Amino acid sequence: MKKYIFTAILAIASISAQAQYGEKDSNRIGISVGVNQFTMNSSDFDSKPGIGWNAGLSVRGNFYNDWDMVYDIRFAEHSFTVESKNPILDDVDAKIQSAQISLLFSYKFIENHLSVEVGPMFQFNGKLDIDEEDELTTIDAQGTTMKDIQEIKVFNFYPTVGITGGVKHVRAHIFAQYGVLNTFRGLEKPNGDSITGNGLVLGGNICFYL
């Protein structure tokens, strides 16, 4: 995970430096912070959505006519709760920490006030974070435990759509993202069946443009 954080920091420095030399007023650096609701859609275990956070930097620049391009580097924590199938054990709170890189096309309905965004988000995950005492909690009838699903794949791809509104230097952004790739690809239940799950993120943040 550390190497992805380091890569993200280098990317932030690069796009920030480029933005300083932008010729138009819309080439601006933004600092954002917000919250998200994460749902793990899986047919192999039951779970409930959780609330997490996100924070990062972005550069919004002119692209073509009424279109902007938004480069976004963000760190996020996605939370969800997995239902325990053991009647004497509690449900398990799980978290995924990640670094995210987005490249979004933004159509401006009203300059500096209202736009919609669409584009890809590339996510680099850490290990599924759970308490050590919860590792042996069973989550299905086949005896799959939380430890069996901890080694999630590092990379995922989330198509993103969103809407941004506000004033020139302060804007609110709401978005939806869906993980195309199976978060648990390569992991199996004790009986050899594959484990599947795709993340859905609904979120919002406030961005302060410098």
C-alpha atoms as a PDB file:
ATOM      1  CA  MET A   1       0.000   0.000   0.000  1.00  0.00           C
ATOM      2  CA  LYS A   2       2.857   2.393   0.783  1.00  0.00           C
ATOM      3  CA  LYS A   3       4.179   2.290  -2.777  1.00  0.00           C
ATOM      4  CA  TYR A   4       0.756   3.293  -4.116  1.00  0.00           C
ATOM      5  CA  ILE A   5       0.593   6.204  -1.678  1.00  0.00           C
ATOM      6  CA  PHE A   6       4.068   7.290  -2.828  1.00  0.00           C
ATOM      7  CA  THR A   7       3.017   7.036  -6.487  1.00  0.00           C
ATOM      8  CA  ALA A   8      -0.105   9.063  -5.790  1.00  0.00           C
ATOM      9  CA  ILE A   9       1.936  11.785  -4.070  1.00  0.00           C
ATOM     10  CA  LEU A  10       4.233  12.014  -7.103  1.00  0.00           C
ATOM     11  CA  ALA A  11       1.213  12.266  -9.375  1.00  0.00           C
ATOM     12  CA  ILE A  12      -0.239  15.049  -7.225  1.00  0.00           C
ATOM     13  CA  ALA A  13       3.014  16.992  -7.458  1.00  0.00           C
ATOM     14  CA  SER A  14       3.118  16.521 -11.229  1.00  0.00           C
ATOM     15  CA  ILE A  15      -0.418  17.650 -12.019  1.00  0.00           C
ATOM     16  CA  SER A  16      -0.187  20.494  -9.504  1.00  0.00           C
ATOM     17  CA  ALA A  17       2.946  21.806 -11.187  1.00  0.00           C
ATOM     18  CA  GLN A  18       1.295  21.616 -14.596  1.00  0.00           C
ATOM     19  CA  ALA A  19      -1.737  23.484 -13.311  1.00  0.00           C
ATOM     20  CA  GLN A  20       0.422  26.390 -12.196  1.00  0.00           C
ATOM     21  CA  TYR A  21       1.264  27.058 -15.834  1.00  0.00           C
ATOM     22  CA  GLY A  22      -2.318  26.865 -17.111  1.00  0.00           C
ATOM     23  CA  GLU A  23      -3.226  29.743 -19.406  1.00  0.00           C
ATOM     24  CA  LYS A  24      -6.910  29.875 -18.534  1.00  0.00           C
ATOM     25  CA  ASP A  25      -8.657  30.710 -15.320  1.00  0.00           C
ATOM     26  CA  SER A  26     -10.314  27.312 -15.053  1.00  0.00           C
ATOM     27  CA  ASN A  27      -6.958  25.534 -14.572  1.00  0.00           C
ATOM     28  CA  ARG A  28      -7.214  25.342 -10.792  1.00  0.00           C
ATOM     29  CA  ILE A  29      -6.074  23.090  -7.966  1.00  0.00           C
ATOM     30  CA  GLY A  30      -8.791  21.786  -5.666  1.00  0.00           C
ATOM     31  CA  ILE A  31      -8.623  20.350  -2.147  1.00  0.00           C
ATOM     32  CA  SER A  32     -11.543  18.053  -1.303  1.00  0.00           C
ATOM     33  CA  VAL A  33     -12.894  16.162   1.678  1.00  0.00           C
ATOM     34  CA  GLY A  34     -16.080  14.159   2.027  1.00  0.00           C
ATOM     35  CA  VAL A  35     -17.972  11.032   3.040  1.00  0.00           C
ATOM     36  CA  ASN A  36     -19.096   7.905   1.218  1.00  0.00           C
ATOM     37  CA  GLN A  37     -21.493   5.010   1.638  1.00  0.00           C
ATOM     38  CA  PHE A  38     -20.035   1.691   0.508  1.00  0.00           C
ATOM     39  CA  THR A  39     -22.028  -1.438  -0.343  1.00  0.00           C
ATOM     40  CA  MET A  40     -20.402  -4.785  -1.097  1.00  0.00           C
ATOM     41  CA  ASN A  41     -22.712  -6.579  -3.516  1.00  0.00           C
ATOM     42  CA  SER A  42     -22.135 -10.318  -3.132  1.00  0.00           C
ATOM     43  CA  SER A  43     -24.219 -13.469  -3.531  1.00  0.00           C
ATOM     44  CA  ASP A  44     -21.795 -15.381  -1.298  1.00  0.00           C
ATOM     45  CA  PHE A  45     -22.363 -13.557   1.999  1.00  0.00           C
ATOM     46  CA  ASP A  46     -24.718 -10.975   3.480  1.00  0.00           C
ATOM     47  CA  SER A  47     -23.488  -7.486   4.308  1.00  0.00           C
ATOM     48  CA  LYS A  48     -24.702  -4.020   5.221  1.00  0.00           C
ATOM     49  CA  PRO A  49     -23.451  -0.669   3.857  1.00  0.00           C
ATOM     50  CA  GLY A  50     -21.111   1.447   5.930  1.00  0.00           C
ATOM     51  CA  ILE A  51     -19.999   5.072   6.052  1.00  0.00           C
ATOM     52  CA  GLY A  52     -16.417   6.026   5.197  1.00  0.00           C
ATOM     53  CA  TRP A  53     -14.438   9.062   4.107  1.00  0.00           C
ATOM     54  CA  ASN A  54     -12.407  10.439   1.213  1.00  0.00           C
ATOM     55  CA  ALA A  55      -9.920  13.273   0.808  1.00  0.00           C
ATOM     56  CA  GLY A  56      -7.548  14.422  -1.901  1.00  0.00           C
ATOM     57  CA  LEU A  57      -6.391  16.895  -4.514  1.00  0.00           C
ATOM     58  CA  SER A  58      -7.648  17.596  -8.013  1.00  0.00           C
ATOM     59  CA  VAL A  59      -6.827  19.766 -11.005  1.00  0.00           C
ATOM     60  CA  ARG A  60      -9.653  21.098 -13.176  1.00  0.00           C
ATOM     61  CA  GLY A  61      -8.538  22.374 -16.570  1.00  0.00           C
ATOM     62  CA  ASN A  62     -10.016  23.485 -19.886  1.00  0.00           C
ATOM     63  CA  PHE A  63     -10.405  20.682 -22.408  1.00  0.00           C
ATOM     64  CA  TYR A  64     -12.631  21.695 -25.333  1.00  0.00           C
ATOM     65  CA  ASN A  65     -15.431  24.266 -25.607  1.00  0.00           C
ATOM     66  CA  ASP A  66     -17.830  23.541 -22.716  1.00  0.00           C
ATOM     67  CA  TRP A  67     -15.792  20.577 -21.496  1.00  0.00           C
ATOM     68  CA  ASP A  68     -13.269  20.506 -18.663  1.00  0.00           C
ATOM     69  CA  MET A  69     -10.908  17.694 -17.715  1.00  0.00           C
ATOM     70  CA  VAL A  70     -10.603  16.815 -14.021  1.00  0.00           C
ATOM     71  CA  TYR A  71      -7.553  14.928 -12.695  1.00  0.00           C
ATOM     72  CA  ASP A  72      -8.192  13.622  -9.204  1.00  0.00           C
ATOM     73  CA  ILE A  73      -5.954  11.905  -6.641  1.00  0.00           C
ATOM     74  CA  ARG A  74      -7.802  10.724  -3.571  1.00  0.00           C
ATOM     75  CA  PHE A  75      -7.387   8.568  -0.493  1.00  0.00           C
ATOM     76  CA  ALA A  76     -10.485   6.786   0.776  1.00  0.00           C
ATOM     77  CA  GLU A  77     -11.728   4.405   3.412  1.00  0.00           C
ATOM     78  CA  HIS A  78     -14.721   2.220   2.538  1.00  0.00           C
ATOM     79  CA  SER A  79     -16.589   0.500   5.369  1.00  0.00           C
ATOM     80  CA  PHE A  80     -19.167  -2.281   5.423  1.00  0.00           C
ATOM     81  CA  THR A  81     -20.461  -4.898   7.867  1.00  0.00           C
ATOM     82  CA  VAL A  82     -20.475  -8.633   7.118  1.00  0.00           C
ATOM     83  CA  GLU A  83     -23.190 -10.738   8.733  1.00  0.00           C
ATOM     84  CA  SER A  84     -21.972 -13.524  11.008  1.00  0.00           C
ATOM     85  CA  LYS A  85     -23.496 -16.981  10.528  1.00  0.00           C
ATOM     86  CA  ASN A  86     -22.338 -18.021  13.996  1.00  0.00           C
ATOM     87  CA  PRO A  87     -25.166 -17.242  16.463  1.00  0.00           C
ATOM     88  CA  ILE A  88     -22.754 -16.509  19.308  1.00  0.00           C
ATOM     89  CA  LEU A  89     -20.496 -14.115  17.345  1.00  0.00           C
ATOM     90  CA  ASP A  90     -21.256 -10.534  16.326  1.00  0.00           C
ATOM     91  CA  ASP A  91     -21.329  -9.213  12.780  1.00  0.00           C
ATOM     92  CA  VAL A  92     -17.935  -8.056  11.531  1.00  0.00           C
ATOM     93  CA  ASP A  93     -17.006  -4.473  10.645  1.00  0.00           C
ATOM     94  CA  ALA A  94     -14.629  -4.384   7.669  1.00  0.00           C
ATOM     95  CA  LYS A  95     -12.729  -1.579   5.975  1.00  0.00           C
ATOM     96  CA  ILE A  96     -10.911  -1.133   2.676  1.00  0.00           C
ATOM     97  CA  GLN A  97      -8.321   1.644   2.525  1.00  0.00           C
ATOM     98  CA  SER A  98      -7.292   2.734  -0.936  1.00  0.00           C
ATOM     99  CA  ALA A  99      -5.549   5.254  -3.154  1.00  0.00           C
ATOM    100  CA  GLN A 100      -7.601   6.407  -6.141  1.00  0.00           C
ATOM    101  CA  ILE A 101      -6.747   8.089  -9.431  1.00  0.00           C
ATOM    102  CA  SER A 102      -9.553   9.516 -11.579  1.00  0.00           C
ATOM    103  CA  LEU A 103      -9.675  11.126 -15.013  1.00  0.00           C
ATOM    104  CA  LEU A 104     -13.097  12.708 -15.518  1.00  0.00           C
ATOM    105  CA  PHE A 105     -14.663  14.606 -18.400  1.00  0.00           C
ATOM    106  CA  SER A 106     -16.790  17.463 -17.091  1.00  0.00           C
ATOM    107  CA  TYR A 107     -19.544  19.166 -19.116  1.00  0.00           C
ATOM    108  CA  LYS A 108     -20.231  22.714 -17.925  1.00  0.00           C
ATOM    109  CA  PHE A 109     -23.916  23.659 -17.940  1.00  0.00           C
ATOM    110  CA  ILE A 110     -23.124  26.916 -16.143  1.00  0.00           C
ATOM    111  CA  GLU A 111     -19.514  28.130 -16.087  1.00  0.00           C
ATOM    112  CA  ASN A 112     -18.047  27.930 -12.538  1.00  0.00           C
ATOM    113  CA  HIS A 113     -21.426  26.852 -11.104  1.00  0.00           C
ATOM    114  CA  LEU A 114     -22.864  23.607 -12.478  1.00  0.00           C
ATOM    115  CA  SER A 115     -21.337  20.622 -14.301  1.00  0.00           C
ATOM    116  CA  VAL A 116     -21.663  16.858 -14.691  1.00  0.00           C
ATOM    117  CA  GLU A 117     -18.722  14.459 -14.694  1.00  0.00           C
ATOM    118  CA  VAL A 118     -18.109  11.019 -16.146  1.00  0.00           C
ATOM    119  CA  GLY A 119     -14.978   8.896 -16.459  1.00  0.00           C
ATOM    120  CA  PRO A 120     -12.831   6.125 -15.015  1.00  0.00           C
ATOM    121  CA  MET A 121     -11.488   5.780 -11.482  1.00  0.00           C
ATOM    122  CA  PHE A 122      -8.592   3.402 -10.813  1.00  0.00           C
ATOM    123  CA  GLN A 123      -8.380   2.105  -7.250  1.00  0.00           C
ATOM    124  CA  PHE A 124      -5.407   0.520  -5.461  1.00  0.00           C
ATOM    125  CA  ASN A 125      -6.487  -1.359  -2.353  1.00  0.00           C
ATOM    126  CA  GLY A 126      -4.847  -2.409   0.844  1.00  0.00           C
ATOM    127  CA  LYS A 127      -5.754  -5.643   2.628  1.00  0.00           C
ATOM    128  CA  LEU A 128      -9.312  -5.970   3.955  1.00  0.00           C
ATOM    129  CA  ASP A 129      -9.013  -4.546   7.467  1.00  0.00           C
ATOM    130  CA  ILE A 130     -10.766  -6.429  10.275  1.00  0.00           C
ATOM    131  CA  ASP A 131     -10.042  -7.034  13.948  1.00  0.00           C
ATOM    132  CA  GLU A 132      -7.894 -10.100  14.614  1.00  0.00           C
ATOM    133  CA  GLU A 133     -10.573 -11.537  16.898  1.00  0.00           C
ATOM    134  CA  ASP A 134     -13.017 -11.575  13.940  1.00  0.00           C
ATOM    135  CA  GLU A 135     -10.844 -13.571  11.538  1.00  0.00           C
ATOM    136  CA  LEU A 136     -12.514 -16.932  12.284  1.00  0.00           C
ATOM    137  CA  THR A 137     -16.090 -15.652  12.150  1.00  0.00           C
ATOM    138  CA  THR A 138     -18.013 -17.743   9.602  1.00  0.00           C
ATOM    139  CA  ILE A 139     -19.982 -15.830   6.968  1.00  0.00           C
ATOM    140  CA  ASP A 140     -21.765 -18.570   4.992  1.00  0.00           C
ATOM    141  CA  ALA A 141     -23.082 -22.114   5.258  1.00  0.00           C
ATOM    142  CA  GLN A 142     -19.904 -23.563   3.702  1.00  0.00           C
ATOM    143  CA  GLY A 143     -17.761 -22.398   6.618  1.00  0.00           C
ATOM    144  CA  THR A 144     -16.047 -19.505   4.852  1.00  0.00           C
ATOM    145  CA  THR A 145     -14.423 -17.197   7.409  1.00  0.00           C
ATOM    146  CA  MET A 146     -13.497 -13.535   7.337  1.00  0.00           C
ATOM    147  CA  LYS A 147      -9.848 -14.551   7.061  1.00  0.00           C
ATOM    148  CA  ASP A 148     -10.683 -16.317   3.780  1.00  0.00           C
ATOM    149  CA  ILE A 149     -11.696 -12.980   2.185  1.00  0.00           C
ATOM    150  CA  GLN A 150      -8.993 -10.700   3.603  1.00  0.00           C
ATOM    151  CA  GLU A 151      -6.523 -10.873   0.702  1.00  0.00           C
ATOM    152  CA  ILE A 152      -8.563  -8.818  -1.731  1.00  0.00           C
ATOM    153  CA  LYS A 153      -7.136  -7.819  -5.102  1.00  0.00           C
ATOM    154  CA  VAL A 154      -4.989  -4.703  -5.126  1.00  0.00           C
ATOM    155  CA  PHE A 155      -6.441  -3.191  -8.310  1.00  0.00           C
ATOM    156  CA  ASN A 156     -10.014  -2.347  -9.262  1.00  0.00           C
ATOM    157  CA  PHE A 157     -11.732  -0.175 -11.851  1.00  0.00           C
ATOM    158  CA  TYR A 158     -14.734   2.014 -11.003  1.00  0.00           C
ATOM    159  CA  PRO A 159     -16.652   3.907 -13.734  1.00  0.00           C
ATOM    160  CA  THR A 160     -17.772   7.185 -12.153  1.00  0.00           C
ATOM    161  CA  VAL A 161     -20.619   9.634 -12.717  1.00  0.00           C
ATOM    162  CA  GLY A 162     -21.250  12.780 -10.711  1.00  0.00           C
ATOM    163  CA  ILE A 163     -22.582  16.299 -10.536  1.00  0.00           C
ATOM    164  CA  THR A 164     -20.837  19.386  -9.205  1.00  0.00           C
ATOM    165  CA  GLY A 165     -22.413  22.665  -8.145  1.00  0.00           C
ATOM    166  CA  GLY A 166     -21.448  25.807  -6.282  1.00  0.00           C
ATOM    167  CA  VAL A 167     -19.415  28.954  -6.823  1.00  0.00           C
ATOM    168  CA  LYS A 168     -16.003  29.554  -8.354  1.00  0.00           C
ATOM    169  CA  HIS A 169     -13.889  28.616  -5.341  1.00  0.00           C
ATOM    170  CA  VAL A 170     -16.179  26.304  -3.336  1.00  0.00           C
ATOM    171  CA  ARG A 171     -18.235  23.496  -4.864  1.00  0.00           C
ATOM    172  CA  ALA A 172     -20.140  20.432  -3.694  1.00  0.00           C
ATOM    173  CA  HIS A 173     -19.741  17.180  -5.614  1.00  0.00           C
ATOM    174  CA  ILE A 174     -21.912  14.054  -5.416  1.00  0.00           C
ATOM    175  CA  PHE A 175     -20.968  10.875  -7.242  1.00  0.00           C
ATOM    176  CA  ALA A 176     -21.682   7.196  -7.829  1.00  0.00           C
ATOM    177  CA  GLN A 177     -19.077   4.525  -8.597  1.00  0.00           C
ATOM    178  CA  TYR A 178     -19.349   0.802  -9.337  1.00  0.00           C
ATOM    179  CA  GLY A 179     -16.487  -1.700  -9.150  1.00  0.00           C
ATOM    180  CA  VAL A 180     -16.386  -3.598 -12.429  1.00  0.00           C
ATOM    181  CA  LEU A 181     -13.859  -6.183 -11.256  1.00  0.00           C
ATOM    182  CA  ASN A 182     -14.531  -8.848  -8.635  1.00  0.00           C
ATOM    183  CA  THR A 183     -12.982  -7.616  -5.390  1.00  0.00           C
ATOM    184  CA  PHE A 184     -12.361 -11.201  -4.261  1.00  0.00           C
ATOM    185  CA  ARG A 185     -11.137 -12.694  -7.534  1.00  0.00           C
ATOM    186  CA  GLY A 186      -8.808 -15.612  -6.880  1.00  0.00           C
ATOM    187  CA  LEU A 187     -10.271 -16.343  -3.427  1.00  0.00           C
ATOM    188  CA  GLU A 188     -12.219 -19.539  -2.732  1.00  0.00           C
ATOM    189  CA  LYS A 189     -14.547 -21.046  -0.159  1.00  0.00           C
ATOM    190  CA  PRO A 190     -13.519 -24.238   1.665  1.00  0.00           C
ATOM    191  CA  ASN A 191     -15.494 -26.257  -0.924  1.00  0.00           C
ATOM    192  CA  GLY A 192     -13.529 -24.697  -3.802  1.00  0.00           C
ATOM    193  CA  ASP A 193     -16.233 -22.324  -5.079  1.00  0.00           C
ATOM    194  CA  SER A 194     -15.114 -18.840  -6.061  1.00  0.00           C
ATOM    195  CA  ILE A 195     -16.006 -15.846  -3.885  1.00  0.00           C
ATOM    196  CA  THR A 196     -17.422 -12.818  -5.681  1.00  0.00           C
ATOM    197  CA  GLY A 197     -18.203  -9.245  -4.701  1.00  0.00           C
ATOM    198  CA  ASN A 198     -18.447  -5.854  -6.392  1.00  0.00           C
ATOM    199  CA  GLY A 199     -18.355  -2.525  -4.597  1.00  0.00           C
ATOM    200  CA  LEU A 200     -20.896   0.269  -5.019  1.00  0.00           C
ATOM    201  CA  VAL A 201     -19.963   3.730  -3.743  1.00  0.00           C
ATOM    202  CA  LEU A 202     -22.296   6.689  -3.244  1.00  0.00           C
ATOM    203  CA  GLY A 203     -20.528   9.759  -1.962  1.00  0.00           C
ATOM    204  CA  GLY A 204     -20.189  13.467  -1.694  1.00  0.00           C
ATOM    205  CA  ASN A 205     -17.485  15.980  -0.908  1.00  0.00           C
ATOM    206  CA  ILE A 206     -16.729  19.663  -0.722  1.00  0.00           C
ATOM    207  CA  CYS A 207     -13.947  20.981  -2.965  1.00  0.00           C
ATOM    208  CA  PHE A 208     -12.087  24.221  -2.263  1.00  0.00           C
ATOM    209  CA  TYR A 209     -10.414  25.622  -5.405  1.00  0.00           C
ATOM    210  CA  LEU A 210      -7.290  27.703  -4.929  1.00  0.00           C
END
